[in-house]
PDB file of N, CA and C in Angstrom:
ATOM      1  N   UNK A   1      94.033  96.095  85.964  1.00  0.00           N
ATOM      2  CA  UNK A   1      94.250  97.357  86.672  1.00  0.00           C
ATOM      3  C   UNK A   1      92.934  98.086  86.874  1.00  0.00           C
ATOM      4  N   UNK A   2      92.662  98.571  88.043  1.00  0.00           N
ATOM      5  CA  UNK A   2      91.426  99.308  88.264  1.00  0.00           C
ATOM      6  C   UNK A   2      91.436 100.669  87.656  1.00  0.00           C
ATOM      7  N   UNK A   3      90.343 101.242  87.514  1.00  0.00           N
ATOM      8  CA  UNK A   3      90.198 102.648  86.937  1.00  0.00           C
ATOM      9  C   UNK A   3      90.875 103.600  87.919  1.00  0.00           C
ATOM     10  N   UNK A   4      91.522 104.566  87.395  1.00  0.00           N
ATOM     11  CA  UNK A   4      92.148 105.673  88.219  1.00  0.00           C
ATOM     12  C   UNK A   4      91.392 106.896  87.899  1.00  0.00           C
ATOM     13  N   UNK A   5      91.114 107.744  88.978  1.00  0.00           N
ATOM     14  CA  UNK A   5      90.431 108.953  88.769  1.00  0.00           C
ATOM     15  C   UNK A   5      91.236 110.186  89.110  1.00  0.00           C
ATOM     16  N   UNK A   6      91.134 111.286  88.337  1.00  0.00           N
ATOM     17  CA  UNK A   6      91.858 112.434  88.544  1.00  0.00           C
ATOM     18  C   UNK A   6      90.990 113.667  88.509  1.00  0.00           C
ATOM     19  N   UNK A   7      91.348 114.738  89.135  1.00  0.00           N
ATOM     20  CA  UNK A   7      90.733 116.018  88.974  1.00  0.00           C
ATOM     21  C   UNK A   7      91.744 116.829  88.214  1.00  0.00           C
ATOM     22  N   UNK A   8      91.513 117.293  87.026  1.00  0.00           N
ATOM     23  CA  UNK A   8      92.423 118.065  86.260  1.00  0.00           C
ATOM     24  C   UNK A   8      91.694 119.405  85.878  1.00  0.00           C
ATOM     25  N   UNK A   9      92.229 120.534  86.421  1.00  0.00           N
ATOM     26  CA  UNK A   9      91.636 121.805  86.191  1.00  0.00           C
ATOM     27  C   UNK A   9      90.210 121.828  86.506  1.00  0.00           C
ATOM     28  N   UNK A  10      89.722 121.196  87.560  1.00  0.00           N
ATOM     29  CA  UNK A  10      88.338 121.117  87.919  1.00  0.00           C
ATOM     30  C   UNK A  10      87.529 120.057  87.269  1.00  0.00           C
ATOM     31  N   UNK A  11      88.075 119.444  86.230  1.00  0.00           N
ATOM     32  CA  UNK A  11      87.390 118.387  85.517  1.00  0.00           C
ATOM     33  C   UNK A  11      87.701 116.970  86.042  1.00  0.00           C
ATOM     34  N   UNK A  12      86.690 116.153  86.033  1.00  0.00           N
ATOM     35  CA  UNK A  12      86.924 114.776  86.506  1.00  0.00           C
ATOM     36  C   UNK A  12      87.261 113.886  85.293  1.00  0.00           C
ATOM     37  N   UNK A  13      88.381 113.188  85.448  1.00  0.00           N
ATOM     38  CA  UNK A  13      88.841 112.285  84.373  1.00  0.00           C
ATOM     39  C   UNK A  13      89.111 110.896  84.923  1.00  0.00           C
ATOM     40  N   UNK A  14      88.701 109.832  84.213  1.00  0.00           N
ATOM     41  CA  UNK A  14      88.958 108.506  84.613  1.00  0.00           C
ATOM     42  C   UNK A  14      89.978 107.895  83.545  1.00  0.00           C
ATOM     43  N   UNK A  15      90.942 107.124  84.090  1.00  0.00           N
ATOM     44  CA  UNK A  15      91.892 106.510  83.155  1.00  0.00           C
ATOM     45  C   UNK A  15      92.084 105.048  83.490  1.00  0.00           C
ATOM     46  N   UNK A  16      92.100 104.210  82.474  1.00  0.00           N
ATOM     47  CA  UNK A  16      92.359 102.758  82.721  1.00  0.00           C
ATOM     48  C   UNK A  16      93.317 102.200  81.680  1.00  0.00           C
ATOM     49  N   UNK A  17      94.108 101.275  82.049  1.00  0.00           N
ATOM     50  CA  UNK A  17      94.941 100.564  81.169  1.00  0.00           C
ATOM     51  C   UNK A  17      94.137  99.540  80.344  1.00  0.00           C
ATOM     52  N   UNK A  18      94.247  99.693  79.033  1.00  0.00           N
ATOM     53  CA  UNK A  18      93.524  98.786  78.190  1.00  0.00           C
ATOM     54  C   UNK A  18      94.633  98.095  77.242  1.00  0.00           C
ATOM     55  N   UNK A  19      94.932  96.910  77.535  1.00  0.00           N
ATOM     56  CA  UNK A  19      96.032  96.202  76.857  1.00  0.00           C
ATOM     57  C   UNK A  19      97.291  96.914  77.030  1.00  0.00           C
ATOM     58  N   UNK A  20      97.949  97.333  75.985  1.00  0.00           N
ATOM     59  CA  UNK A  20      99.256  98.051  76.158  1.00  0.00           C
ATOM     60  C   UNK A  20      99.126  99.512  76.276  1.00  0.00           C
ATOM     61  N   UNK A  21      97.884 100.065  75.987  1.00  0.00           N
ATOM     62  CA  UNK A  21      97.650 101.531  76.057  1.00  0.00           C
ATOM     63  C   UNK A  21      96.796 101.984  77.220  1.00  0.00           C
ATOM     64  N   UNK A  22      96.496 103.260  77.148  1.00  0.00           N
ATOM     65  CA  UNK A  22      95.587 103.901  78.074  1.00  0.00           C
ATOM     66  C   UNK A  22      94.289 104.397  77.436  1.00  0.00           C
ATOM     67  N   UNK A  23      93.221 104.307  78.165  1.00  0.00           N
ATOM     68  CA  UNK A  23      91.968 104.873  77.683  1.00  0.00           C
ATOM     69  C   UNK A  23      91.451 105.905  78.809  1.00  0.00           C
ATOM     70  N   UNK A  24      90.977 107.038  78.317  1.00  0.00           N
ATOM     71  CA  UNK A  24      90.640 108.084  79.260  1.00  0.00           C
ATOM     72  C   UNK A  24      89.162 108.605  78.934  1.00  0.00           C
ATOM     73  N   UNK A  25      88.438 108.939  79.980  1.00  0.00           N
ATOM     74  CA  UNK A  25      87.071 109.402  79.831  1.00  0.00           C
ATOM     75  C   UNK A  25      86.905 110.657  80.680  1.00  0.00           C
ATOM     76  N   UNK A  26      86.085 111.601  80.290  1.00  0.00           N
ATOM     77  CA  UNK A  26      85.725 112.719  80.992  1.00  0.00           C
ATOM     78  C   UNK A  26      84.408 112.356  81.798  1.00  0.00           C
ATOM     79  N   UNK A  27      84.358 112.566  83.006  1.00  0.00           N
ATOM     80  CA  UNK A  27      83.219 112.213  83.859  1.00  0.00           C
ATOM     81  C   UNK A  27      82.343 113.420  84.142  1.00  0.00           C
ATOM     82  N   UNK A  28      81.087 113.350  83.771  1.00  0.00           N
ATOM     83  CA  UNK A  28      80.132 114.456  83.984  1.00  0.00           C
ATOM     84  C   UNK A  28      79.522 114.431  85.420  1.00  0.00           C
ATOM     85  N   UNK A  29      79.115 115.586  85.921  1.00  0.00           N
ATOM     86  CA  UNK A  29      78.491 115.668  87.235  1.00  0.00           C
ATOM     87  C   UNK A  29      77.207 114.776  87.368  1.00  0.00           C
ATOM     88  N   UNK A  30      76.633 114.472  86.175  1.00  0.00           N
ATOM     89  CA  UNK A  30      75.408 113.678  86.168  1.00  0.00           C
ATOM     90  C   UNK A  30      75.701 112.143  86.172  1.00  0.00           C
ATOM     91  N   UNK A  31      77.000 111.781  86.265  1.00  0.00           N
ATOM     92  CA  UNK A  31      77.393 110.393  86.204  1.00  0.00           C
ATOM     93  C   UNK A  31      77.607 109.804  84.870  1.00  0.00           C
ATOM     94  N   UNK A  32      77.455 110.653  83.823  1.00  0.00           N
ATOM     95  CA  UNK A  32      77.707 110.174  82.508  1.00  0.00           C
ATOM     96  C   UNK A  32      79.140 110.326  82.165  1.00  0.00           C
ATOM     97  N   UNK A  33      79.656 109.478  81.230  1.00  0.00           N
ATOM     98  CA  UNK A  33      81.094 109.565  80.888  1.00  0.00           C
ATOM     99  C   UNK A  33      81.170 109.599  79.394  1.00  0.00           C
ATOM    100  N   UNK A  34      82.137 110.295  78.905  1.00  0.00           N
ATOM    101  CA  UNK A  34      82.351 110.345  77.425  1.00  0.00           C
ATOM    102  C   UNK A  34      83.911 110.172  77.196  1.00  0.00           C
ATOM    103  N   UNK A  35      84.231 109.655  76.076  1.00  0.00           N
ATOM    104  CA  UNK A  35      85.588 109.458  75.649  1.00  0.00           C
ATOM    105  C   UNK A  35      86.276 110.797  75.714  1.00  0.00           C
ATOM    106  N   UNK A  36      87.507 110.843  76.357  1.00  0.00           N
ATOM    107  CA  UNK A  36      88.266 112.071  76.388  1.00  0.00           C
ATOM    108  C   UNK A  36      88.825 112.410  74.979  1.00  0.00           C
ATOM    109  N   UNK A  37      88.933 113.679  74.736  1.00  0.00           N
ATOM    110  CA  UNK A  37      89.459 114.187  73.504  1.00  0.00           C
ATOM    111  C   UNK A  37      90.984 114.352  73.497  1.00  0.00           C
ATOM    112  N   UNK A  38      91.703 113.541  74.209  1.00  0.00           N
ATOM    113  CA  UNK A  38      93.088 113.494  74.225  1.00  0.00           C
ATOM    114  C   UNK A  38      93.570 112.086  74.339  1.00  0.00           C
ATOM    115  N   UNK A  39      94.791 111.791  73.998  1.00  0.00           N
ATOM    116  CA  UNK A  39      95.433 110.514  74.117  1.00  0.00           C
ATOM    117  C   UNK A  39      96.557 110.483  75.099  1.00  0.00           C
ATOM    118  N   UNK A  40      96.742 109.365  75.749  1.00  0.00           N
ATOM    119  CA  UNK A  40      97.864 109.222  76.670  1.00  0.00           C
ATOM    120  C   UNK A  40      98.753 108.127  76.071  1.00  0.00           C
ATOM    121  N   UNK A  41      99.969 108.503  75.780  1.00  0.00           N
ATOM    122  CA  UNK A  41     100.935 107.536  75.163  1.00  0.00           C
ATOM    123  C   UNK A  41     101.103 106.296  76.037  1.00  0.00           C
ATOM    124  N   UNK A  42     101.270 105.221  75.382  1.00  0.00           N
ATOM    125  CA  UNK A  42     101.334 103.887  76.067  1.00  0.00           C
ATOM    126  C   UNK A  42     102.548 103.777  77.024  1.00  0.00           C
ATOM    127  N   UNK A  43     103.621 104.582  76.681  1.00  0.00           N
ATOM    128  CA  UNK A  43     104.850 104.525  77.471  1.00  0.00           C
ATOM    129  C   UNK A  43     104.782 105.227  78.875  1.00  0.00           C
ATOM    130  N   UNK A  44     103.679 106.001  79.069  1.00  0.00           N
ATOM    131  CA  UNK A  44     103.498 106.702  80.321  1.00  0.00           C
ATOM    132  C   UNK A  44     103.204 105.676  81.398  1.00  0.00           C
ATOM    133  N   UNK A  45     103.925 105.674  82.482  1.00  0.00           N
ATOM    134  CA  UNK A  45     103.776 104.766  83.600  1.00  0.00           C
ATOM    135  C   UNK A  45     102.619 105.255  84.482  1.00  0.00           C
ATOM    136  N   UNK A  46     101.993 104.313  85.236  1.00  0.00           N
ATOM    137  CA  UNK A  46     100.867 104.656  86.149  1.00  0.00           C
ATOM    138  C   UNK A  46     101.283 105.810  87.048  1.00  0.00           C
ATOM    139  N   UNK A  47     102.446 105.741  87.603  1.00  0.00           N
ATOM    140  CA  UNK A  47     102.902 106.829  88.569  1.00  0.00           C
ATOM    141  C   UNK A  47     103.188 108.162  87.905  1.00  0.00           C
ATOM    142  N   UNK A  48     103.160 108.204  86.594  1.00  0.00           N
ATOM    143  CA  UNK A  48     103.485 109.394  85.827  1.00  0.00           C
ATOM    144  C   UNK A  48     102.194 110.042  85.374  1.00  0.00           C
ATOM    145  N   UNK A  49     101.039 109.463  85.467  1.00  0.00           N
ATOM    146  CA  UNK A  49      99.786 109.932  84.872  1.00  0.00           C
ATOM    147  C   UNK A  49      99.399 111.301  85.333  1.00  0.00           C
ATOM    148  N   UNK A  50      99.428 111.600  86.618  1.00  0.00           N
ATOM    149  CA  UNK A  50      99.018 112.797  87.164  1.00  0.00           C
ATOM    150  C   UNK A  50      99.817 113.974  86.616  1.00  0.00           C
ATOM    151  N   UNK A  51     101.165 113.745  86.614  1.00  0.00           N
ATOM    152  CA  UNK A  51     102.021 114.800  86.067  1.00  0.00           C
ATOM    153  C   UNK A  51     101.822 114.990  84.561  1.00  0.00           C
ATOM    154  N   UNK A  52     101.559 113.880  83.862  1.00  0.00           N
ATOM    155  CA  UNK A  52     101.330 113.973  82.449  1.00  0.00           C
ATOM    156  C   UNK A  52     100.088 114.796  82.174  1.00  0.00           C
ATOM    157  N   UNK A  53      99.012 114.529  82.899  1.00  0.00           N
ATOM    158  CA  UNK A  53      97.729 115.286  82.717  1.00  0.00           C
ATOM    159  C   UNK A  53      97.907 116.731  83.086  1.00  0.00           C
ATOM    160  N   UNK A  54      98.676 117.040  84.127  1.00  0.00           N
ATOM    161  CA  UNK A  54      98.913 118.422  84.481  1.00  0.00           C
ATOM    162  C   UNK A  54      99.745 119.109  83.388  1.00  0.00           C
ATOM    163  N   UNK A  55     100.726 118.510  82.846  1.00  0.00           N
ATOM    164  CA  UNK A  55     101.480 119.059  81.812  1.00  0.00           C
ATOM    165  C   UNK A  55     100.676 119.252  80.496  1.00  0.00           C
ATOM    166  N   UNK A  56      99.764 118.277  80.208  1.00  0.00           N
ATOM    167  CA  UNK A  56      98.994 118.375  79.001  1.00  0.00           C
ATOM    168  C   UNK A  56      98.027 119.526  79.037  1.00  0.00           C
ATOM    169  N   UNK A  57      97.499 119.874  80.225  1.00  0.00           N
ATOM    170  CA  UNK A  57      96.470 120.916  80.268  1.00  0.00           C
ATOM    171  C   UNK A  57      96.947 122.221  80.944  1.00  0.00           C
ATOM    172  N   UNK A  58      98.202 122.358  81.159  1.00  0.00           N
ATOM    173  CA  UNK A  58      98.753 123.590  81.951  1.00  0.00           C
ATOM    174  C   UNK A  58      98.386 124.852  81.293  1.00  0.00           C
ATOM    175  N   UNK A  59      98.240 124.890  79.988  1.00  0.00           N
ATOM    176  CA  UNK A  59      97.927 126.199  79.316  1.00  0.00           C
ATOM    177  C   UNK A  59      96.491 126.676  79.544  1.00  0.00           C
ATOM    178  N   UNK A  60      95.654 125.763  79.990  1.00  0.00           N
ATOM    179  CA  UNK A  60      94.232 126.064  80.284  1.00  0.00           C
ATOM    180  C   UNK A  60      94.020 126.359  81.746  1.00  0.00           C
ATOM    181  N   UNK A  61      95.083 126.430  82.457  1.00  0.00           N
ATOM    182  CA  UNK A  61      94.936 126.683  83.932  1.00  0.00           C
ATOM    183  C   UNK A  61      94.447 128.057  84.248  1.00  0.00           C
ATOM    184  N   UNK A  62      93.613 128.235  85.339  1.00  0.00           N
ATOM    185  CA  UNK A  62      93.120 129.417  85.786  1.00  0.00           C
ATOM    186  C   UNK A  62      93.510 129.529  87.272  1.00  0.00           C
ATOM    187  N   UNK A  63      93.349 130.773  87.867  1.00  0.00           N
ATOM    188  CA  UNK A  63      93.658 130.862  89.326  1.00  0.00           C
ATOM    189  C   UNK A  63      92.826 129.910  90.164  1.00  0.00           C
ATOM    190  N   UNK A  64      91.589 129.607  89.756  1.00  0.00           N
ATOM    191  CA  UNK A  64      90.828 128.620  90.647  1.00  0.00           C
ATOM    192  C   UNK A  64      90.968 127.206  90.318  1.00  0.00           C
ATOM    193  N   UNK A  65      91.453 126.894  89.118  1.00  0.00           N
ATOM    194  CA  UNK A  65      91.645 125.551  88.635  1.00  0.00           C
ATOM    195  C   UNK A  65      93.022 125.444  88.015  1.00  0.00           C
ATOM    196  N   UNK A  66      94.074 125.157  88.844  1.00  0.00           N
ATOM    197  CA  UNK A  66      95.379 125.236  88.208  1.00  0.00           C
ATOM    198  C   UNK A  66      96.211 124.055  88.308  1.00  0.00           C
ATOM    199  N   UNK A  67      95.612 122.940  88.717  1.00  0.00           N
ATOM    200  CA  UNK A  67      96.446 121.756  88.873  1.00  0.00           C
ATOM    201  C   UNK A  67      95.751 120.397  88.641  1.00  0.00           C
ATOM    202  N   UNK A  68      96.381 119.324  88.915  1.00  0.00           N
ATOM    203  CA  UNK A  68      95.838 117.975  88.741  1.00  0.00           C
ATOM    204  C   UNK A  68      96.226 117.170  90.006  1.00  0.00           C
ATOM    205  N   UNK A  69      95.275 116.338  90.442  1.00  0.00           N
ATOM    206  CA  UNK A  69      95.518 115.472  91.527  1.00  0.00           C
ATOM    207  C   UNK A  69      94.714 114.213  91.412  1.00  0.00           C
ATOM    208  N   UNK A  70      95.224 113.195  91.918  1.00  0.00           N
ATOM    209  CA  UNK A  70      94.450 111.864  91.903  1.00  0.00           C
ATOM    210  C   UNK A  70      93.472 111.776  93.000  1.00  0.00           C
ATOM    211  N   UNK A  71      92.232 111.371  92.573  1.00  0.00           N
ATOM    212  CA  UNK A  71      91.150 111.168  93.519  1.00  0.00           C
ATOM    213  C   UNK A  71      91.120 109.745  93.979  1.00  0.00           C
ATOM    214  N   UNK A  72      91.211 109.500  95.268  1.00  0.00           N
ATOM    215  CA  UNK A  72      91.216 108.160  95.775  1.00  0.00           C
ATOM    216  C   UNK A  72      89.854 107.678  96.155  1.00  0.00           C
TER     217      UNK A  72
END
């Protein structure tokens, strides 16, 4: 499976399936990536990732950064 990219509350996040689970990275504006400080449960389906990320971070939402969407 290719890497999927999302914008979550203004942050760029990459997600990829590794074996049975998911791996997530925060993407910096300078092109660097670091391991994300959250986990995605293995039972989350690919089509549920964007909603899962939105639900995970909803308490940190601000008027200018309030949602999540997949970047194609």
